[in-house]
Amino acid sequence: MKIIKGSVTAPEGFLASGVKSGIKKKGLDLGLIYSSVPAHAAGVFTKNTVKAAPVILSAGNLKNGWAQAIIANSGNANCLNGKNGMKWAGRMAEAVSAKTWIDTKDVLIASTGIIGKPLPIEKIEAAVPALVKGLSKAGELTAAKAIMTTDLVPKRIAVAVKIGGKTVKIGGISKGSGMICPNMATLLCFITTDADIDVKALRGSLKDAVEDSLNMVTVDGDMSTNDTVFILANGLAANTRIKSGSKDHKIFCAALKYVMVYLAKEIAKDGEGASKFIEVQVKGAKSKLDAKKMAMEIANSNLVKTAIAGEDPNTGRIASSAGASGVKFNGSKLDVYLNGIKIVSGGNADFALRPKAQKSLKKKEVTITVDLNSGKHLATAWTCDLTEGYIKINARYN
């Protein structure tokens, strides 16, 4: 497997574009991804009980396992808009359908931005002709920028991998910076691939990849109403069709997971007001569930996050979060590492190592490792520190 250029337009048959429609005061705010042929499609959505209209509409459109285009806007979530919200989401699909000659049910919708604000659908409809006209291989960057809200940088990647003697490409873009919580986040993530893959295998691949990537990233512990992940697989790589459980399926899953873990890390690095990227590793757990539960408990701890922001090697906050996770373990076996420095050994903190650990926290990337020494399972979560910048950004978000 190797990293290649192009993100969502790297796979054969995919084009993209992004335009300024006027939803936001400045910058691109409307993006489109288009496959030249119908594609197998799958999606994963927020688990929030309050779901935005695009989430509801797209979940319905995905039931037949096919799609050909994704249209997404930033600056407005189209959530808490009642029946109007559903009508507006439908009109977004219709606008794309009219200019691309594909069925409205083959258009997937996503929105991100302010919740409870009427969607300026007329602006979107007026911009769709230019959006479709601008479709190109180079348009992947504008599409990535068009879905950004408080993000500072676009998030994009593409890889190529050999499957069945053919080169299969997988590309992705994502956005996310705040309201980032387990079970995804204020997060949009769009994946494309030219792999020929059975829709059942595609759905399983996406679900598994999300569990170990986007569902293991957190910035502030708040769950959004709009979280959406789509994957389109158009089969133009002409490989032998991938079936669930096959050797080729395992190769595809590994490549997809690599793409999505990369995007998850980029989201954590770009957390609102963040100055440091934090990776939390929990190993030696009795089960994978225990490891994931503890990793997310530590990653979500405001006390841990503020300690890292202040470059304070506070072992008590890490150990306390581990203990508060609900995971049963023997505290006398607990080891804790900060950037590879063993600051707790067998439940005993080594205060003499504090200066060395504190110096290591000046780095922009910090690794917290907790070893329970009780089993063989492990999990990794990604987050960022919590600074005054986060408060300033969210206090004025409107």
Protein backbone atom coordinates (compact mmCIF):
# COMPACT_ATOMS: atom_id res chain seq x y z
CA MET A 1 0.00 0.00 0.00
CA LYS A 2 1.23 3.49 -0.80
CA ILE A 3 -0.09 7.02 -0.29
CA ILE A 4 -1.03 8.78 -3.53
CA LYS A 5 -2.36 12.19 -4.56
CA GLY A 6 -5.96 13.12 -5.19
CA SER A 7 -8.06 12.13 -2.14
CA VAL A 8 -11.63 11.41 -3.31
CA THR A 9 -10.77 11.80 -7.00
CA ALA A 10 -7.79 9.43 -6.92
CA PRO A 11 -9.98 6.35 -7.59
CA GLU A 12 -11.03 5.88 -11.22
CA GLY A 13 -14.27 7.53 -12.30
CA PHE A 14 -14.62 10.09 -9.51
CA LEU A 15 -14.76 13.88 -9.87
CA ALA A 16 -15.33 16.61 -7.30
CA SER A 17 -15.85 20.35 -6.92
CA GLY A 18 -16.51 23.06 -4.37
CA VAL A 19 -18.07 26.52 -4.70
CA LYS A 20 -19.13 29.51 -2.64
CA SER A 21 -22.93 29.60 -2.56
CA GLY A 22 -23.32 32.31 0.09
CA ILE A 23 -24.39 30.15 3.02
CA LYS A 24 -21.30 31.39 4.88
CA LYS A 25 -20.11 34.97 4.87
CA LYS A 26 -16.84 33.92 3.29
CA GLY A 27 -15.19 30.85 1.84
CA LEU A 28 -16.37 27.77 0.01
CA ASP A 29 -19.49 26.18 1.46
CA LEU A 30 -20.93 23.70 -1.06
CA GLY A 31 -19.16 20.55 -2.26
CA LEU A 32 -19.97 17.71 -4.67
CA ILE A 33 -18.47 14.27 -5.27
CA TYR A 34 -19.63 12.43 -8.38
CA SER A 35 -19.05 8.95 -9.80
CA SER A 36 -19.26 8.45 -13.56
CA VAL A 37 -21.14 5.20 -12.97
CA PRO A 38 -23.53 4.03 -10.22
CA ALA A 39 -21.65 2.84 -7.13
CA HIS A 40 -22.31 0.50 -4.27
CA ALA A 41 -22.80 2.72 -1.24
CA ALA A 42 -22.91 2.53 2.54
CA GLY A 43 -23.13 5.00 5.39
CA VAL A 44 -22.80 5.42 9.13
CA PHE A 45 -24.64 8.16 10.99
CA THR A 46 -24.86 9.90 14.35
CA LYS A 47 -26.40 7.97 17.24
CA ASN A 48 -27.94 11.17 18.57
CA THR A 49 -31.72 10.87 18.95
CA VAL A 50 -32.03 14.33 17.40
CA LYS A 51 -31.04 13.81 13.77
CA ALA A 52 -30.69 16.45 11.07
CA ALA A 53 -32.84 16.22 7.93
CA PRO A 54 -29.93 15.20 5.63
CA VAL A 55 -29.15 12.26 7.93
CA ILE A 56 -32.74 11.00 7.76
CA LEU A 57 -33.01 11.49 3.99
CA SER A 58 -29.65 9.87 3.19
CA ALA A 59 -30.30 6.88 5.45
CA GLY A 60 -33.41 6.22 3.38
CA ASN A 61 -31.60 6.65 0.07
CA LEU A 62 -28.94 4.15 1.13
CA LYS A 63 -31.35 1.28 1.74
CA ASN A 64 -30.95 -0.05 -1.82
CA GLY A 65 -27.13 0.01 -1.54
CA TRP A 66 -26.56 2.36 -4.49
CA ALA A 67 -25.57 6.01 -4.98
CA GLN A 68 -23.74 8.13 -7.53
CA ALA A 69 -23.25 11.55 -5.95
CA ILE A 70 -22.71 13.27 -2.60
CA ILE A 71 -23.62 16.92 -2.08
CA ALA A 72 -22.63 18.58 1.18
CA ASN A 73 -22.85 22.09 2.57
CA SER A 74 -21.17 23.81 5.49
CA GLY A 75 -22.37 26.79 7.52
CA ASN A 76 -25.83 25.38 8.20
CA ALA A 77 -26.77 22.02 9.74
CA ASN A 78 -30.36 21.94 8.43
CA CYS A 79 -31.38 20.56 11.81
CA LEU A 80 -34.39 21.46 13.99
CA ASN A 81 -36.13 22.76 10.87
CA GLY A 82 -39.05 20.32 11.02
CA LYS A 83 -40.83 19.43 7.77
CA ASN A 84 -39.12 22.30 5.98
CA GLY A 85 -35.76 20.72 6.72
CA MET A 86 -36.77 17.50 4.96
CA LYS A 87 -38.09 19.49 1.98
CA TRP A 88 -34.84 21.46 1.74
CA ALA A 89 -32.74 18.30 1.89
CA GLY A 90 -34.89 16.81 -0.86
CA ARG A 91 -34.45 19.93 -2.98
CA MET A 92 -30.67 19.63 -2.66
CA ALA A 93 -30.89 16.11 -4.13
CA GLU A 94 -33.25 17.28 -6.84
CA ALA A 95 -30.94 20.11 -7.83
CA VAL A 96 -28.05 17.68 -8.37
CA SER A 97 -30.29 15.18 -10.14
CA ALA A 98 -31.49 17.80 -12.61
CA LYS A 99 -27.95 18.71 -13.67
CA THR A 100 -26.36 15.24 -13.68
CA TRP A 101 -29.29 13.19 -14.99
CA ILE A 102 -29.14 10.71 -12.13
CA ASP A 103 -32.04 9.60 -9.95
CA THR A 104 -32.66 11.74 -6.85
CA LYS A 105 -32.42 8.60 -4.70
CA ASP A 106 -28.86 8.14 -5.94
CA VAL A 107 -27.87 11.49 -4.41
CA LEU A 108 -26.65 11.50 -0.81
CA ILE A 109 -26.95 14.68 1.30
CA ALA A 110 -24.87 15.99 4.19
CA SER A 111 -24.88 19.29 6.06
CA THR A 112 -22.79 20.79 8.84
CA GLY A 113 -22.83 24.08 10.68
CA ILE A 114 -25.24 26.05 12.84
CA ILE A 115 -28.17 24.08 14.25
CA GLY A 116 -31.68 25.58 14.18
CA LYS A 117 -31.08 28.11 11.43
CA PRO A 118 -33.22 27.96 8.25
CA LEU A 119 -31.30 26.54 5.31
CA PRO A 120 -30.98 29.08 2.44
CA ILE A 121 -32.00 26.47 -0.12
CA GLU A 122 -32.40 29.02 -2.93
CA LYS A 123 -28.69 29.90 -2.67
CA ILE A 124 -27.78 26.21 -2.87
CA GLU A 125 -30.03 25.60 -5.87
CA ALA A 126 -28.57 28.63 -7.65
CA ALA A 127 -25.02 27.37 -7.07
CA VAL A 128 -25.53 23.75 -8.19
CA PRO A 129 -25.08 24.42 -11.94
CA ALA A 130 -21.61 25.90 -11.31
CA LEU A 131 -20.90 23.08 -8.87
CA VAL A 132 -21.64 20.43 -11.49
CA LYS A 133 -19.86 22.34 -14.26
CA GLY A 134 -16.75 22.57 -12.09
CA LEU A 135 -16.44 18.81 -11.51
CA SER A 136 -12.87 17.67 -12.13
CA LYS A 137 -10.06 15.53 -10.78
CA ALA A 138 -8.44 18.63 -9.30
CA GLY A 139 -11.69 19.60 -7.58
CA GLU A 140 -11.05 17.35 -4.61
CA LEU A 141 -9.30 20.14 -2.70
CA THR A 142 -12.16 22.59 -3.16
CA ALA A 143 -14.62 19.88 -2.08
CA ALA A 144 -12.55 19.29 1.07
CA LYS A 145 -12.49 23.02 1.82
CA ALA A 146 -16.21 23.41 1.15
CA ILE A 147 -17.19 21.16 4.07
CA MET A 148 -15.02 22.97 6.65
CA THR A 149 -16.59 24.96 9.50
CA THR A 150 -14.21 25.83 12.35
CA ASP A 151 -11.57 23.56 10.81
CA LEU A 152 -8.25 25.26 10.16
CA VAL A 153 -7.08 22.86 7.44
CA PRO A 154 -8.70 20.50 4.91
CA LYS A 155 -8.33 16.82 5.74
CA ARG A 156 -7.64 14.48 2.81
CA ILE A 157 -5.77 11.32 1.85
CA ALA A 158 -5.65 8.62 -0.82
CA VAL A 159 -3.94 5.24 -1.02
CA ALA A 160 -3.36 2.56 -3.63
CA VAL A 161 -3.24 -1.16 -2.86
CA LYS A 162 -2.96 -4.35 -4.91
CA ILE A 163 -6.03 -6.59 -4.72
CA GLY A 164 -6.35 -9.63 -6.96
CA GLY A 165 -3.60 -8.37 -9.25
CA LYS A 166 -5.35 -5.04 -9.79
CA THR A 167 -4.53 -1.61 -8.36
CA VAL A 168 -7.39 -0.48 -6.14
CA LYS A 169 -7.51 3.10 -4.88
CA ILE A 170 -9.24 4.50 -1.80
CA GLY A 171 -9.55 8.22 -1.13
CA GLY A 172 -11.18 10.29 1.59
CA ILE A 173 -11.92 13.78 2.86
CA SER A 174 -13.33 14.76 6.23
CA LYS A 175 -14.16 17.74 8.42
CA GLY A 176 -14.36 18.05 12.16
CA SER A 177 -12.91 20.33 14.81
CA GLY A 178 -15.44 20.79 17.61
CA MET A 179 -18.44 18.91 19.04
CA ILE A 180 -16.27 15.83 18.57
CA CYS A 181 -17.43 12.90 20.64
CA PRO A 182 -17.43 9.09 20.64
CA ASN A 183 -19.78 7.62 18.03
CA MET A 184 -18.34 10.11 15.59
CA ALA A 185 -18.66 13.85 15.96
CA THR A 186 -19.65 17.07 14.20
CA LEU A 187 -18.01 15.16 11.52
CA LEU A 188 -18.44 14.57 7.83
CA CYS A 189 -16.31 11.93 6.14
CA PHE A 190 -16.60 10.89 2.52
CA ILE A 191 -14.72 7.89 1.14
CA THR A 192 -14.46 6.82 -2.50
CA THR A 193 -12.98 3.68 -4.00
CA ASP A 194 -12.84 2.07 -7.43
CA ALA A 195 -12.90 -1.38 -5.84
CA ASP A 196 -15.47 -3.86 -7.06
CA ILE A 197 -16.90 -4.99 -3.74
CA ASP A 198 -20.12 -6.68 -2.70
CA VAL A 199 -22.42 -4.22 -0.92
CA LYS A 200 -22.67 -6.46 2.15
CA ALA A 201 -18.89 -6.58 2.40
CA LEU A 202 -18.73 -2.81 1.87
CA ARG A 203 -21.15 -2.15 4.72
CA GLY A 204 -19.22 -4.43 7.05
CA SER A 205 -15.90 -2.88 6.07
CA LEU A 206 -17.15 0.65 6.76
CA LYS A 207 -18.73 -0.25 10.09
CA ASP A 208 -15.57 -1.96 11.34
CA ALA A 209 -13.30 0.85 10.13
CA VAL A 210 -15.44 3.51 11.82
CA GLU A 211 -15.32 1.63 15.13
CA ASP A 212 -11.53 1.76 15.28
CA SER A 213 -11.09 5.25 13.83
CA LEU A 214 -13.79 7.93 13.94
CA ASN A 215 -15.47 6.38 16.96
CA MET A 216 -12.17 6.65 18.84
CA VAL A 217 -11.64 10.38 18.38
CA THR A 218 -12.85 13.05 20.77
CA VAL A 219 -12.28 16.76 21.27
CA ASP A 220 -14.91 17.86 23.77
CA GLY A 221 -17.25 14.93 24.50
CA ASP A 222 -20.28 16.50 22.79
CA MET A 223 -22.23 14.49 20.21
CA SER A 224 -23.59 16.17 17.10
CA THR A 225 -26.86 15.78 15.21
CA ASN A 226 -25.27 15.61 11.75
CA ASP A 227 -22.44 13.08 11.90
CA THR A 228 -22.21 11.32 8.56
CA VAL A 229 -19.82 8.92 6.86
CA PHE A 230 -20.38 7.79 3.27
CA ILE A 231 -18.44 5.37 1.09
CA LEU A 232 -18.95 4.91 -2.65
CA ALA A 233 -17.42 1.93 -4.51
CA ASN A 234 -17.86 2.10 -8.30
CA GLY A 235 -15.98 -1.06 -9.33
CA LEU A 236 -13.89 0.59 -12.07
CA ALA A 237 -10.67 -1.03 -10.82
CA ALA A 238 -12.07 -4.18 -12.46
CA ASN A 239 -10.80 -6.47 -9.73
CA THR A 240 -12.57 -9.74 -8.97
CA ARG A 241 -15.51 -8.78 -6.80
CA ILE A 242 -14.57 -8.68 -3.12
CA LYS A 243 -16.72 -10.85 -0.87
CA SER A 244 -17.00 -10.81 2.93
CA GLY A 245 -14.35 -12.83 4.73
CA SER A 246 -12.13 -13.36 1.71
CA LYS A 247 -8.38 -12.66 1.57
CA ASP A 248 -9.09 -9.70 -0.70
CA HIS A 249 -11.63 -8.39 1.79
CA LYS A 250 -9.04 -8.37 4.54
CA ILE A 251 -6.63 -6.40 2.35
CA PHE A 252 -9.37 -3.91 1.48
CA CYS A 253 -10.39 -3.53 5.14
CA ALA A 254 -6.81 -2.85 6.20
CA ALA A 255 -6.42 -0.14 3.56
CA LEU A 256 -9.78 1.44 4.43
CA LYS A 257 -8.92 1.45 8.12
CA TYR A 258 -5.60 3.13 7.36
CA VAL A 259 -7.40 5.92 5.49
CA MET A 260 -9.96 6.44 8.23
CA VAL A 261 -7.47 6.34 11.11
CA TYR A 262 -5.43 8.98 9.28
CA LEU A 263 -8.50 11.20 8.94
CA ALA A 264 -9.46 10.61 12.59
CA LYS A 265 -6.01 11.76 13.72
CA GLU A 266 -6.23 14.84 11.50
CA ILE A 267 -9.53 15.76 13.18
CA ALA A 268 -7.99 15.47 16.65
CA LYS A 269 -4.96 17.52 15.60
CA ASP A 270 -7.28 20.25 14.33
CA GLY A 271 -9.43 20.37 17.47
CA GLU A 272 -10.82 23.80 18.28
CA GLY A 273 -8.19 25.85 20.08
CA ALA A 274 -5.86 22.86 20.33
CA SER A 275 -2.13 23.26 20.81
CA LYS A 276 -1.28 19.57 21.25
CA PHE A 277 -2.36 16.27 19.69
CA ILE A 278 -2.84 13.45 22.23
CA GLU A 279 -2.83 9.73 21.58
CA VAL A 280 -4.16 7.54 24.40
CA GLN A 281 -3.14 3.89 24.33
CA VAL A 282 -4.62 1.33 26.70
CA LYS A 283 -3.12 -2.14 26.61
CA GLY A 284 -3.07 -5.26 28.74
CA ALA A 285 -6.86 -5.19 29.10
CA LYS A 286 -9.07 -8.24 29.57
CA SER A 287 -11.20 -7.34 26.54
CA LYS A 288 -11.19 -4.97 23.56
CA LEU A 289 -14.32 -3.32 24.97
CA ASP A 290 -12.53 -2.61 28.28
CA ALA A 291 -9.56 -1.12 26.46
CA LYS A 292 -11.74 1.13 24.28
CA LYS A 293 -13.88 2.23 27.21
CA MET A 294 -10.86 3.26 29.27
CA ALA A 295 -9.05 4.93 26.39
CA MET A 296 -12.09 7.13 25.70
CA GLU A 297 -12.58 7.92 29.39
CA ILE A 298 -9.03 9.25 29.61
CA ALA A 299 -9.26 11.05 26.25
CA ASN A 300 -12.51 12.75 27.30
CA SER A 301 -11.20 13.93 30.68
CA ASN A 302 -11.07 17.71 30.79
CA LEU A 303 -8.63 17.47 33.69
CA VAL A 304 -6.24 15.31 31.67
CA LYS A 305 -6.60 17.56 28.63
CA THR A 306 -5.97 20.76 30.58
CA ALA A 307 -2.98 19.17 32.31
CA ILE A 308 -1.43 18.40 28.93
CA ALA A 309 -2.21 21.95 27.78
CA GLY A 310 -0.32 23.23 30.84
CA GLU A 311 2.51 20.72 30.30
CA ASP A 312 1.80 19.22 33.71
CA PRO A 313 2.66 15.48 34.02
CA ASN A 314 -0.24 14.90 36.40
CA THR A 315 -0.25 11.16 37.01
CA GLY A 316 -3.21 11.42 39.37
CA ARG A 317 -5.54 12.71 36.66
CA ILE A 318 -4.64 9.89 34.28
CA ALA A 319 -4.95 7.17 36.94
CA SER A 320 -8.18 8.68 38.24
CA SER A 321 -9.74 8.65 34.77
CA ALA A 322 -8.65 5.05 34.26
CA GLY A 323 -10.30 4.11 37.53
CA ALA A 324 -13.47 6.05 36.73
CA SER A 325 -13.96 4.23 33.42
CA GLY A 326 -15.92 1.40 35.00
CA VAL A 327 -13.32 -1.13 33.86
CA LYS A 328 -12.31 -3.57 36.58
CA PHE A 329 -8.56 -3.97 37.02
CA ASN A 330 -5.93 -4.46 39.72
CA GLY A 331 -4.50 -1.04 40.64
CA SER A 332 -1.31 -2.64 41.91
CA LYS A 333 -0.54 -3.75 38.34
CA LEU A 334 -1.12 -0.34 36.76
CA ASP A 335 1.68 1.16 34.67
CA VAL A 336 1.41 4.62 33.12
CA TYR A 337 3.74 6.15 30.54
CA LEU A 338 4.00 9.73 29.24
CA ASN A 339 5.83 9.88 25.91
CA GLY A 340 7.46 6.56 26.77
CA ILE A 341 8.53 7.65 30.26
CA LYS A 342 7.23 5.20 32.89
CA ILE A 343 5.81 7.58 35.48
CA VAL A 344 3.71 4.95 37.31
CA SER A 345 4.99 1.41 37.90
CA GLY A 346 2.88 -1.23 39.59
CA GLY A 347 0.54 1.40 40.99
CA ASN A 348 3.40 3.53 42.35
CA ALA A 349 4.11 7.01 40.95
CA ASP A 350 7.79 7.88 40.46
CA PHE A 351 7.83 11.57 41.42
CA ALA A 352 11.54 11.81 40.61
CA LEU A 353 10.69 11.44 36.90
CA ARG A 354 8.37 14.45 36.95
CA PRO A 355 10.94 16.95 35.53
CA LYS A 356 11.81 14.61 32.66
CA ALA A 357 8.14 13.95 31.90
CA GLN A 358 7.33 17.65 32.09
CA LYS A 359 10.05 18.46 29.58
CA SER A 360 8.64 15.85 27.18
CA LEU A 361 5.22 17.56 27.27
CA LYS A 362 6.63 20.53 25.40
CA LYS A 363 6.23 18.44 22.26
CA LYS A 364 3.25 19.08 19.98
CA GLU A 365 2.32 15.40 20.03
CA VAL A 366 1.85 13.54 23.32
CA THR A 367 1.33 9.84 23.93
CA ILE A 368 -0.31 8.54 27.11
CA THR A 369 0.04 4.79 27.57
CA VAL A 370 -1.81 2.86 30.27
CA ASP A 371 -0.88 -0.80 30.76
CA LEU A 372 -3.27 -2.81 32.94
CA ASN A 373 -1.08 -5.93 32.73
CA SER A 374 -4.23 -8.03 32.94
CA GLY A 375 -4.78 -9.32 29.41
CA LYS A 376 -3.82 -9.10 25.75
CA HIS A 377 -6.29 -6.53 24.40
CA LEU A 378 -5.54 -2.95 23.44
CA ALA A 379 -7.18 0.16 21.98
CA THR A 380 -6.16 3.64 20.93
CA ALA A 381 -8.07 6.93 21.16
CA TRP A 382 -7.13 10.32 19.78
CA THR A 383 -7.86 13.75 21.21
CA CYS A 384 -6.27 17.13 21.81
CA ASP A 385 -5.59 19.41 24.74
CA LEU A 386 -8.21 21.85 26.05
CA THR A 387 -7.22 25.51 25.96
CA GLU A 388 -8.79 28.95 26.31
CA GLY A 389 -8.99 28.98 22.53
CA TYR A 390 -11.77 26.37 22.62
CA ILE A 391 -13.89 28.63 24.84
CA LYS A 392 -13.31 31.67 22.65
CA ILE A 393 -14.28 29.81 19.45
CA ASN A 394 -17.47 28.31 20.87
CA ALA A 395 -18.55 31.44 22.74
CA ARG A 396 -18.81 33.32 19.48
CA TYR A 397 -20.01 30.49 17.18
CA ASN A 398 -23.19 31.73 15.48
